Amino acid sequence: MYKRQVDHYDRDPERNLAELAALTAGLLEDDRLTEPKWTDHQGWRYAIPENGASSGSLERAESEGLYCVGDWTAGEGRIHAALRSGLEVGERIAGRRRD
């Protein structure tokens, strides 16, 4: 499984992207996800959110099929906030696929 964030801090972002995209595509069984249309990266030391995203912005993005996850959506720079965000969005995506 993937190592701790600190173990990859200085790794080439393109290498990390390729590995994460492959893991995501495998998890969701969708090979299209191996080639994302847009990506961004930021080292952890600079990625501490000060404010959460507005719920209206997140809802508008989801209505267009763009799902935002991460501690930045909650405005709380902690791993549990990122995990909670991902799980909640995953549940919404899974619910829409069943409909």
PDB file of N, CA and C in Angstrom:
ATOM      1  N   MET A   1       0.836  -1.185   0.000  1.00  0.00           N
ATOM      2  CA  MET A   1       0.000   0.000   0.000  1.00  0.00           C
ATOM      3  C   MET A   1       0.876   1.240   0.000  1.00  0.00           C
ATOM      4  N   TYR A   2       0.253   2.369  -0.160  1.00  0.00           N
ATOM      5  CA  TYR A   2       0.971   3.626  -0.264  1.00  0.00           C
ATOM      6  C   TYR A   2       1.654   3.984   1.045  1.00  0.00           C
ATOM      7  N   LYS A   3       2.861   4.504   0.970  1.00  0.00           N
ATOM      8  CA  LYS A   3       3.612   4.914   2.156  1.00  0.00           C
ATOM      9  C   LYS A   3       3.082   6.249   2.688  1.00  0.00           C
ATOM     10  N   ARG A   4       3.618   6.626   3.828  1.00  0.00           N
ATOM     11  CA  ARG A   4       3.234   7.899   4.432  1.00  0.00           C
ATOM     12  C   ARG A   4       3.576   9.058   3.503  1.00  0.00           C
ATOM     13  N   GLN A   5       2.838  10.150   3.593  1.00  0.00           N
ATOM     14  CA  GLN A   5       3.055  11.349   2.783  1.00  0.00           C
ATOM     15  C   GLN A   5       4.505  11.815   2.861  1.00  0.00           C
ATOM     16  N   VAL A   6       5.075  11.846   4.041  1.00  0.00           N
ATOM     17  CA  VAL A   6       6.434  12.355   4.213  1.00  0.00           C
ATOM     18  C   VAL A   6       7.443  11.528   3.422  1.00  0.00           C
ATOM     19  N   ASP A   7       7.178  10.258   3.206  1.00  0.00           N
ATOM     20  CA  ASP A   7       8.083   9.405   2.447  1.00  0.00           C
ATOM     21  C   ASP A   7       8.119   9.771   0.970  1.00  0.00           C
ATOM     22  N   HIS A   8       7.137  10.509   0.489  1.00  0.00           N
ATOM     23  CA  HIS A   8       7.039  10.859  -0.930  1.00  0.00           C
ATOM     24  C   HIS A   8       7.158  12.360  -1.180  1.00  0.00           C
ATOM     25  N   TYR A   9       7.482  13.121  -0.163  1.00  0.00           N
ATOM     26  CA  TYR A   9       7.457  14.582  -0.283  1.00  0.00           C
ATOM     27  C   TYR A   9       8.305  15.086  -1.442  1.00  0.00           C
ATOM     28  N   ASP A  10       9.495  14.542  -1.617  1.00  0.00           N
ATOM     29  CA  ASP A  10      10.403  15.020  -2.662  1.00  0.00           C
ATOM     30  C   ASP A  10      10.328  14.212  -3.957  1.00  0.00           C
ATOM     31  N   ARG A  11       9.410  13.274  -4.038  1.00  0.00           N
ATOM     32  CA  ARG A  11       9.270  12.481  -5.263  1.00  0.00           C
ATOM     33  C   ARG A  11       8.729  13.340  -6.395  1.00  0.00           C
ATOM     34  N   ASP A  12       9.017  12.898  -7.596  1.00  0.00           N
ATOM     35  CA  ASP A  12       8.520  13.571  -8.788  1.00  0.00           C
ATOM     36  C   ASP A  12       6.990  13.555  -8.784  1.00  0.00           C
ATOM     37  N   PRO A  13       6.347  14.721  -8.875  1.00  0.00           N
ATOM     38  CA  PRO A  13       4.876  14.765  -8.850  1.00  0.00           C
ATOM     39  C   PRO A  13       4.233  13.931  -9.956  1.00  0.00           C
ATOM     40  N   GLU A  14       4.862  13.871 -11.117  1.00  0.00           N
ATOM     41  CA  GLU A  14       4.295  13.087 -12.217  1.00  0.00           C
ATOM     42  C   GLU A  14       4.280  11.590 -11.880  1.00  0.00           C
ATOM     43  N   ARG A  15       5.298  11.136 -11.181  1.00  0.00           N
ATOM     44  CA  ARG A  15       5.337   9.727 -10.767  1.00  0.00           C
ATOM     45  C   ARG A  15       4.231   9.446  -9.752  1.00  0.00           C
ATOM     46  N   ASN A  16       4.090  10.340  -8.780  1.00  0.00           N
ATOM     47  CA  ASN A  16       3.009  10.187  -7.801  1.00  0.00           C
ATOM     48  C   ASN A  16       1.652  10.186  -8.497  1.00  0.00           C
ATOM     49  N   LEU A  17       1.457  11.105  -9.434  1.00  0.00           N
ATOM     50  CA  LEU A  17       0.196  11.197 -10.157  1.00  0.00           C
ATOM     51  C   LEU A  17      -0.118   9.895 -10.879  1.00  0.00           C
ATOM     52  N   ALA A  18       0.864   9.355 -11.577  1.00  0.00           N
ATOM     53  CA  ALA A  18       0.636   8.120 -12.331  1.00  0.00           C
ATOM     54  C   ALA A  18       0.231   6.979 -11.396  1.00  0.00           C
ATOM     55  N   GLU A  19       0.913   6.866 -10.254  1.00  0.00           N
ATOM     56  CA  GLU A  19       0.586   5.797  -9.304  1.00  0.00           C
ATOM     57  C   GLU A  19      -0.786   6.002  -8.676  1.00  0.00           C
ATOM     58  N   LEU A  20      -1.094   7.231  -8.284  1.00  0.00           N
ATOM     59  CA  LEU A  20      -2.399   7.503  -7.669  1.00  0.00           C
ATOM     60  C   LEU A  20      -3.537   7.319  -8.666  1.00  0.00           C
ATOM     61  N   ALA A  21      -3.330   7.740  -9.902  1.00  0.00           N
ATOM     62  CA  ALA A  21      -4.362   7.560 -10.926  1.00  0.00           C
ATOM     63  C   ALA A  21      -4.611   6.072 -11.174  1.00  0.00           C
ATOM     64  N   ALA A  22      -3.536   5.283 -11.231  1.00  0.00           N
ATOM     65  CA  ALA A  22      -3.688   3.842 -11.447  1.00  0.00           C
ATOM     66  C   ALA A  22      -4.426   3.195 -10.276  1.00  0.00           C
ATOM     67  N   LEU A  23      -4.085   3.597  -9.043  1.00  0.00           N
ATOM     68  CA  LEU A  23      -4.783   3.056  -7.877  1.00  0.00           C
ATOM     69  C   LEU A  23      -6.269   3.416  -7.903  1.00  0.00           C
ATOM     70  N   THR A  24      -6.565   4.657  -8.255  1.00  0.00           N
ATOM     71  CA  THR A  24      -7.955   5.121  -8.312  1.00  0.00           C
ATOM     72  C   THR A  24      -8.727   4.377  -9.400  1.00  0.00           C
ATOM     73  N   ALA A  25      -8.118   4.248 -10.580  1.00  0.00           N
ATOM     74  CA  ALA A  25      -8.777   3.532 -11.683  1.00  0.00           C
ATOM     75  C   ALA A  25      -9.060   2.089 -11.306  1.00  0.00           C
ATOM     76  N   GLY A  26      -8.124   1.465 -10.622  1.00  0.00           N
ATOM     77  CA  GLY A  26      -8.332   0.084 -10.188  1.00  0.00           C
ATOM     78  C   GLY A  26      -9.428  -0.024  -9.145  1.00  0.00           C
ATOM     79  N   LEU A  27      -9.420   0.895  -8.203  1.00  0.00           N
ATOM     80  CA  LEU A  27     -10.421   0.879  -7.139  1.00  0.00           C
ATOM     81  C   LEU A  27     -11.824   1.061  -7.698  1.00  0.00           C
ATOM     82  N   LEU A  28     -11.971   1.984  -8.650  1.00  0.00           N
ATOM     83  CA  LEU A  28     -13.293   2.281  -9.208  1.00  0.00           C
ATOM     84  C   LEU A  28     -13.586   1.501 -10.486  1.00  0.00           C
ATOM     85  N   GLU A  29     -12.637   0.641 -10.886  1.00  0.00           N
ATOM     86  CA  GLU A  29     -12.795  -0.192 -12.081  1.00  0.00           C
ATOM     87  C   GLU A  29     -13.166   0.644 -13.306  1.00  0.00           C
ATOM     88  N   ASP A  30     -12.375   1.714 -13.526  1.00  0.00           N
ATOM     89  CA  ASP A  30     -12.633   2.620 -14.645  1.00  0.00           C
ATOM     90  C   ASP A  30     -11.280   3.087 -15.193  1.00  0.00           C
ATOM     91  N   ASP A  31     -10.826   2.470 -16.274  1.00  0.00           N
ATOM     92  CA  ASP A  31      -9.514   2.784 -16.835  1.00  0.00           C
ATOM     93  C   ASP A  31      -9.395   4.220 -17.338  1.00  0.00           C
ATOM     94  N   ARG A  32     -10.499   4.882 -17.577  1.00  0.00           N
ATOM     95  CA  ARG A  32     -10.432   6.283 -18.015  1.00  0.00           C
ATOM     96  C   ARG A  32      -9.757   7.157 -16.968  1.00  0.00           C
ATOM     97  N   LEU A  33      -9.814   6.727 -15.712  1.00  0.00           N
ATOM     98  CA  LEU A  33      -9.257   7.530 -14.624  1.00  0.00           C
ATOM     99  C   LEU A  33      -7.734   7.489 -14.565  1.00  0.00           C
ATOM    100  N   THR A  34      -7.103   6.669 -15.414  1.00  0.00           N
ATOM    101  CA  THR A  34      -5.640   6.643 -15.436  1.00  0.00           C
ATOM    102  C   THR A  34      -5.072   7.877 -16.130  1.00  0.00           C
ATOM    103  N   GLU A  35      -5.911   8.619 -16.846  1.00  0.00           N
ATOM    104  CA  GLU A  35      -5.467   9.821 -17.551  1.00  0.00           C
ATOM    105  C   GLU A  35      -6.373  11.007 -17.199  1.00  0.00           C
ATOM    106  N   PRO A  36      -6.197  11.570 -15.994  1.00  0.00           N
ATOM    107  CA  PRO A  36      -7.046  12.696 -15.588  1.00  0.00           C
ATOM    108  C   PRO A  36      -6.835  13.909 -16.497  1.00  0.00           C
ATOM    109  N   LYS A  37      -7.878  14.678 -16.682  1.00  0.00           N
ATOM    110  CA  LYS A  37      -7.808  15.859 -17.536  1.00  0.00           C
ATOM    111  C   LYS A  37      -7.092  17.020 -16.856  1.00  0.00           C
ATOM    112  N   TRP A  38      -7.089  17.023 -15.522  1.00  0.00           N
ATOM    113  CA  TRP A  38      -6.460  18.111 -14.777  1.00  0.00           C
ATOM    114  C   TRP A  38      -5.990  17.586 -13.430  1.00  0.00           C
ATOM    115  N   THR A  39      -4.844  18.022 -13.013  1.00  0.00           N
ATOM    116  CA  THR A  39      -4.335  17.655 -11.688  1.00  0.00           C
ATOM    117  C   THR A  39      -3.601  18.843 -11.080  1.00  0.00           C
ATOM    118  N   ASP A  40      -3.375  18.763  -9.811  1.00  0.00           N
ATOM    119  CA  ASP A  40      -2.582  19.765  -9.097  1.00  0.00           C
ATOM    120  C   ASP A  40      -1.929  19.057  -7.926  1.00  0.00           C
ATOM    121  N   HIS A  41      -0.858  19.585  -7.455  1.00  0.00           N
ATOM    122  CA  HIS A  41      -0.216  19.013  -6.283  1.00  0.00           C
ATOM    123  C   HIS A  41       0.379  20.136  -5.447  1.00  0.00           C
ATOM    124  N   GLN A  42       0.501  19.866  -4.183  1.00  0.00           N
ATOM    125  CA  GLN A  42       1.097  20.826  -3.260  1.00  0.00           C
ATOM    126  C   GLN A  42       1.681  20.047  -2.103  1.00  0.00           C
ATOM    127  N   GLY A  43       2.888  20.372  -1.722  1.00  0.00           N
ATOM    128  CA  GLY A  43       3.498  19.722  -0.567  1.00  0.00           C
ATOM    129  C   GLY A  43       2.713  20.050   0.695  1.00  0.00           C
ATOM    130  N   TRP A  44       2.642  19.086   1.601  1.00  0.00           N
ATOM    131  CA  TRP A  44       1.835  19.209   2.808  1.00  0.00           C
ATOM    132  C   TRP A  44       2.129  20.469   3.597  1.00  0.00           C
ATOM    133  N   ARG A  45       3.386  20.869   3.698  1.00  0.00           N
ATOM    134  CA  ARG A  45       3.704  22.000   4.569  1.00  0.00           C
ATOM    135  C   ARG A  45       2.990  23.276   4.140  1.00  0.00           C
ATOM    136  N   TYR A  46       2.568  23.363   2.887  1.00  0.00           N
ATOM    137  CA  TYR A  46       1.868  24.550   2.408  1.00  0.00           C
ATOM    138  C   TYR A  46       0.365  24.326   2.252  1.00  0.00           C
ATOM    139  N   ALA A  47      -0.107  23.147   2.526  1.00  0.00           N
ATOM    140  CA  ALA A  47      -1.496  22.793   2.221  1.00  0.00           C
ATOM    141  C   ALA A  47      -2.380  22.776   3.467  1.00  0.00           C
ATOM    142  N   ILE A  48      -2.203  23.738   4.357  1.00  0.00           N
ATOM    143  CA  ILE A  48      -3.025  23.817   5.553  1.00  0.00           C
ATOM    144  C   ILE A  48      -4.153  24.811   5.293  1.00  0.00           C
ATOM    145  N   PRO A  49      -5.383  24.343   5.165  1.00  0.00           N
ATOM    146  CA  PRO A  49      -6.497  25.246   4.864  1.00  0.00           C
ATOM    147  C   PRO A  49      -6.838  26.138   6.059  1.00  0.00           C
ATOM    148  N   GLU A  50      -7.220  27.362   5.748  1.00  0.00           N
ATOM    149  CA  GLU A  50      -7.632  28.291   6.795  1.00  0.00           C
ATOM    150  C   GLU A  50      -9.146  28.421   6.867  1.00  0.00           C
ATOM    151  N   ASN A  51      -9.812  28.215   5.743  1.00  0.00           N
ATOM    152  CA  ASN A  51     -11.273  28.317   5.671  1.00  0.00           C
ATOM    153  C   ASN A  51     -11.803  27.164   4.837  1.00  0.00           C
ATOM    154  N   GLY A  52     -13.006  26.733   5.142  1.00  0.00           N
ATOM    155  CA  GLY A  52     -13.641  25.697   4.337  1.00  0.00           C
ATOM    156  C   GLY A  52     -14.234  26.277   3.070  1.00  0.00           C
ATOM    157  N   ALA A  53     -14.494  25.420   2.126  1.00  0.00           N
ATOM    158  CA  ALA A  53     -15.167  25.835   0.894  1.00  0.00           C
ATOM    159  C   ALA A  53     -16.640  26.079   1.198  1.00  0.00           C
ATOM    160  N   SER A  54     -17.235  27.006   0.481  1.00  0.00           N
ATOM    161  CA  SER A  54     -18.659  27.269   0.704  1.00  0.00           C
ATOM    162  C   SER A  54     -19.478  26.086   0.212  1.00  0.00           C
ATOM    163  N   SER A  55     -20.506  25.738   0.965  1.00  0.00           N
ATOM    164  CA  SER A  55     -21.334  24.589   0.573  1.00  0.00           C
ATOM    165  C   SER A  55     -21.996  24.842  -0.772  1.00  0.00           C
ATOM    166  N   GLY A  56     -22.339  26.092  -1.070  1.00  0.00           N
ATOM    167  CA  GLY A  56     -22.949  26.415  -2.360  1.00  0.00           C
ATOM    168  C   GLY A  56     -22.012  26.108  -3.520  1.00  0.00           C
ATOM    169  N   SER A  57     -20.737  26.438  -3.364  1.00  0.00           N
ATOM    170  CA  SER A  57     -19.752  26.159  -4.413  1.00  0.00           C
ATOM    171  C   SER A  57     -19.585  24.661  -4.621  1.00  0.00           C
ATOM    172  N   LEU A  58     -19.516  23.930  -3.525  1.00  0.00           N
ATOM    173  CA  LEU A  58     -19.364  22.477  -3.628  1.00  0.00           C
ATOM    174  C   LEU A  58     -20.591  21.838  -4.265  1.00  0.00           C
ATOM    175  N   GLU A  59     -21.775  22.313  -3.918  1.00  0.00           N
ATOM    176  CA  GLU A  59     -23.009  21.769  -4.498  1.00  0.00           C
ATOM    177  C   GLU A  59     -23.090  22.080  -5.990  1.00  0.00           C
ATOM    178  N   ARG A  60     -22.700  23.292  -6.393  1.00  0.00           N
ATOM    179  CA  ARG A  60     -22.711  23.635  -7.827  1.00  0.00           C
ATOM    180  C   ARG A  60     -21.732  22.758  -8.598  1.00  0.00           C
ATOM    181  N   ALA A  61     -20.555  22.524  -8.015  1.00  0.00           N
ATOM    182  CA  ALA A  61     -19.570  21.664  -8.678  1.00  0.00           C
ATOM    183  C   ALA A  61     -20.129  20.255  -8.853  1.00  0.00           C
ATOM    184  N   GLU A  62     -20.755  19.713  -7.802  1.00  0.00           N
ATOM    185  CA  GLU A  62     -21.320  18.358  -7.887  1.00  0.00           C
ATOM    186  C   GLU A  62     -22.433  18.279  -8.919  1.00  0.00           C
ATOM    187  N   SER A  63     -23.201  19.344  -9.060  1.00  0.00           N
ATOM    188  CA  SER A  63     -24.281  19.314 -10.056  1.00  0.00           C
ATOM    189  C   SER A  63     -23.719  19.222 -11.470  1.00  0.00           C
ATOM    190  N   GLU A  64     -22.439  19.594 -11.645  1.00  0.00           N
ATOM    191  CA  GLU A  64     -21.773  19.489 -12.946  1.00  0.00           C
ATOM    192  C   GLU A  64     -20.914  18.228 -13.049  1.00  0.00           C
ATOM    193  N   GLY A  65     -20.963  17.365 -12.021  1.00  0.00           N
ATOM    194  CA  GLY A  65     -20.207  16.122 -12.046  1.00  0.00           C
ATOM    195  C   GLY A  65     -18.791  16.243 -11.512  1.00  0.00           C
ATOM    196  N   LEU A  66     -18.470  17.349 -10.839  1.00  0.00           N
ATOM    197  CA  LEU A  66     -17.140  17.545 -10.257  1.00  0.00           C
ATOM    198  C   LEU A  66     -17.257  17.391  -8.746  1.00  0.00           C
ATOM    199  N   TYR A  67     -16.613  16.385  -8.215  1.00  0.00           N
ATOM    200  CA  TYR A  67     -16.697  16.084  -6.786  1.00  0.00           C
ATOM    201  C   TYR A  67     -15.412  16.519  -6.099  1.00  0.00           C
ATOM    202  N   CYS A  68     -15.534  17.383  -5.125  1.00  0.00           N
ATOM    203  CA  CYS A  68     -14.388  17.946  -4.415  1.00  0.00           C
ATOM    204  C   CYS A  68     -14.242  17.264  -3.058  1.00  0.00           C
ATOM    205  N   VAL A  69     -13.039  16.818  -2.758  1.00  0.00           N
ATOM    206  CA  VAL A  69     -12.770  16.166  -1.483  1.00  0.00           C
ATOM    207  C   VAL A  69     -11.470  16.702  -0.901  1.00  0.00           C
ATOM    208  N   GLY A  70     -11.333  16.545   0.382  1.00  0.00           N
ATOM    209  CA  GLY A  70     -10.092  16.905   1.042  1.00  0.00           C
ATOM    210  C   GLY A  70     -10.348  17.739   2.281  1.00  0.00           C
ATOM    211  N   ASP A  71      -9.298  17.892   3.075  1.00  0.00           N
ATOM    212  CA  ASP A  71      -9.439  18.684   4.292  1.00  0.00           C
ATOM    213  C   ASP A  71      -9.769  20.138   3.980  1.00  0.00           C
ATOM    214  N   TRP A  72      -9.387  20.607   2.801  1.00  0.00           N
ATOM    215  CA  TRP A  72      -9.662  21.993   2.434  1.00  0.00           C
ATOM    216  C   TRP A  72     -11.159  22.266   2.315  1.00  0.00           C
ATOM    217  N   THR A  73     -11.956  21.256   1.997  1.00  0.00           N
ATOM    218  CA  THR A  73     -13.396  21.498   1.891  1.00  0.00           C
ATOM    219  C   THR A  73     -14.001  21.778   3.258  1.00  0.00           C
ATOM    220  N   ALA A  74     -13.408  21.200   4.293  1.00  0.00           N
ATOM    221  CA  ALA A  74     -13.888  21.403   5.665  1.00  0.00           C
ATOM    222  C   ALA A  74     -13.209  22.597   6.326  1.00  0.00           C
ATOM    223  N   GLY A  75     -12.039  23.001   5.789  1.00  0.00           N
ATOM    224  CA  GLY A  75     -11.300  24.100   6.391  1.00  0.00           C
ATOM    225  C   GLY A  75     -10.539  23.692   7.631  1.00  0.00           C
ATOM    226  N   GLU A  76     -10.303  22.414   7.755  1.00  0.00           N
ATOM    227  CA  GLU A  76      -9.609  21.878   8.925  1.00  0.00           C
ATOM    228  C   GLU A  76      -8.473  20.996   8.431  1.00  0.00           C
ATOM    229  N   GLY A  77      -7.255  21.470   8.573  1.00  0.00           N
ATOM    230  CA  GLY A  77      -6.100  20.765   8.043  1.00  0.00           C
ATOM    231  C   GLY A  77      -5.727  19.528   8.825  1.00  0.00           C
ATOM    232  N   ARG A  78      -6.546  18.530   8.768  1.00  0.00           N
ATOM    233  CA  ARG A  78      -6.290  17.286   9.492  1.00  0.00           C
ATOM    234  C   ARG A  78      -6.699  16.102   8.618  1.00  0.00           C
ATOM    235  N   ILE A  79      -6.006  15.007   8.806  1.00  0.00           N
ATOM    236  CA  ILE A  79      -6.263  13.817   7.992  1.00  0.00           C
ATOM    237  C   ILE A  79      -7.677  13.293   8.189  1.00  0.00           C
ATOM    238  N   HIS A  80      -8.214  13.388   9.396  1.00  0.00           N
ATOM    239  CA  HIS A  80      -9.572  12.877   9.616  1.00  0.00           C
ATOM    240  C   HIS A  80     -10.596  13.702   8.838  1.00  0.00           C
ATOM    241  N   ALA A  81     -10.329  14.999   8.657  1.00  0.00           N
ATOM    242  CA  ALA A  81     -11.251  15.829   7.866  1.00  0.00           C
ATOM    243  C   ALA A  81     -11.195  15.435   6.391  1.00  0.00           C
ATOM    244  N   ALA A  82     -10.005  15.139   5.896  1.00  0.00           N
ATOM    245  CA  ALA A  82      -9.857  14.696   4.507  1.00  0.00           C
ATOM    246  C   ALA A  82     -10.539  13.354   4.289  1.00  0.00           C
ATOM    247  N   LEU A  83     -10.337  12.436   5.216  1.00  0.00           N
ATOM    248  CA  LEU A  83     -10.957  11.115   5.110  1.00  0.00           C
ATOM    249  C   LEU A  83     -12.477  11.214   5.165  1.00  0.00           C
ATOM    250  N   ARG A  84     -12.996  11.975   6.110  1.00  0.00           N
ATOM    251  CA  ARG A  84     -14.445  12.150   6.229  1.00  0.00           C
ATOM    252  C   ARG A  84     -15.015  12.733   4.937  1.00  0.00           C
ATOM    253  N   SER A  85     -14.339  13.728   4.391  1.00  0.00           N
ATOM    254  CA  SER A  85     -14.779  14.344   3.144  1.00  0.00           C
ATOM    255  C   SER A  85     -14.847  13.318   2.019  1.00  0.00           C
ATOM    256  N   GLY A  86     -13.798  12.515   1.873  1.00  0.00           N
ATOM    257  CA  GLY A  86     -13.773  11.500   0.818  1.00  0.00           C
ATOM    258  C   GLY A  86     -14.854  10.454   0.980  1.00  0.00           C
ATOM    259  N   LEU A  87     -15.061  10.011   2.211  1.00  0.00           N
ATOM    260  CA  LEU A  87     -16.097   9.004   2.461  1.00  0.00           C
ATOM    261  C   LEU A  87     -17.492   9.554   2.168  1.00  0.00           C
ATOM    262  N   GLU A  88     -17.754  10.782   2.586  1.00  0.00           N
ATOM    263  CA  GLU A  88     -19.076  11.378   2.352  1.00  0.00           C
ATOM    264  C   GLU A  88     -19.343  11.551   0.858  1.00  0.00           C
ATOM    265  N   VAL A  89     -18.345  12.028   0.122  1.00  0.00           N
ATOM    266  CA  VAL A  89     -18.523  12.195  -1.320  1.00  0.00           C
ATOM    267  C   VAL A  89     -18.658  10.840  -2.004  1.00  0.00           C
ATOM    268  N   GLY A  90     -17.873   9.862  -1.555  1.00  0.00           N
ATOM    269  CA  GLY A  90     -17.998   8.512  -2.121  1.00  0.00           C
ATOM    270  C   GLY A  90     -19.395   7.951  -1.952  1.00  0.00           C
ATOM    271  N   GLU A  91     -19.989   8.187  -0.804  1.00  0.00           N
ATOM    272  CA  GLU A  91     -21.371   7.737  -0.566  1.00  0.00           C
ATOM    273  C   GLU A  91     -22.343   8.436  -1.521  1.00  0.00           C
ATOM    274  N   ARG A  92     -22.143   9.730  -1.749  1.00  0.00           N
ATOM    275  CA  ARG A  92     -23.042  10.443  -2.675  1.00  0.00           C
ATOM    276  C   ARG A  92     -22.876   9.926  -4.102  1.00  0.00           C
ATOM    277  N   ILE A  93     -21.642   9.674  -4.510  1.00  0.00           N
ATOM    278  CA  ILE A  93     -21.405   9.141  -5.856  1.00  0.00           C
ATOM    279  C   ILE A  93     -22.035   7.762  -5.996  1.00  0.00           C
ATOM    280  N   ALA A  94     -21.819   6.903  -5.007  1.00  0.00           N
ATOM    281  CA  ALA A  94     -22.389   5.551  -5.054  1.00  0.00           C
ATOM    282  C   ALA A  94     -23.910   5.604  -5.096  1.00  0.00           C
ATOM    283  N   GLY A  95     -24.520   6.509  -4.359  1.00  0.00           N
ATOM    284  CA  GLY A  95     -25.971   6.665  -4.362  1.00  0.00           C
ATOM    285  C   GLY A  95     -26.499   7.091  -5.713  1.00  0.00           C
ATOM    286  N   ARG A  96     -25.767   7.953  -6.396  1.00  0.00           N
ATOM    287  CA  ARG A  96     -26.206   8.413  -7.722  1.00  0.00           C
ATOM    288  C   ARG A  96     -26.069   7.316  -8.766  1.00  0.00           C
ATOM    289  N   ARG A  97     -25.063   6.471  -8.629  1.00  0.00           N
ATOM    290  CA  ARG A  97     -24.883   5.382  -9.592  1.00  0.00           C
ATOM    291  C   ARG A  97     -25.970   4.333  -9.475  1.00  0.00           C
ATOM    292  N   ARG A  98     -26.517   4.178  -8.262  1.00  0.00           N
ATOM    293  CA  ARG A  98     -27.594   3.194  -8.048  1.00  0.00           C
ATOM    294  C   ARG A  98     -28.920   3.694  -8.591  1.00  0.00           C
ATOM    295  N   ASP A  99     -29.066   5.018  -8.681  1.00  0.00           N
ATOM    296  CA  ASP A  99     -30.353   5.598  -9.127  1.00  0.00           C
ATOM    297  C   ASP A  99     -30.607   5.378 -10.590  1.00  0.00           C
TER     298      ASP A  99
END
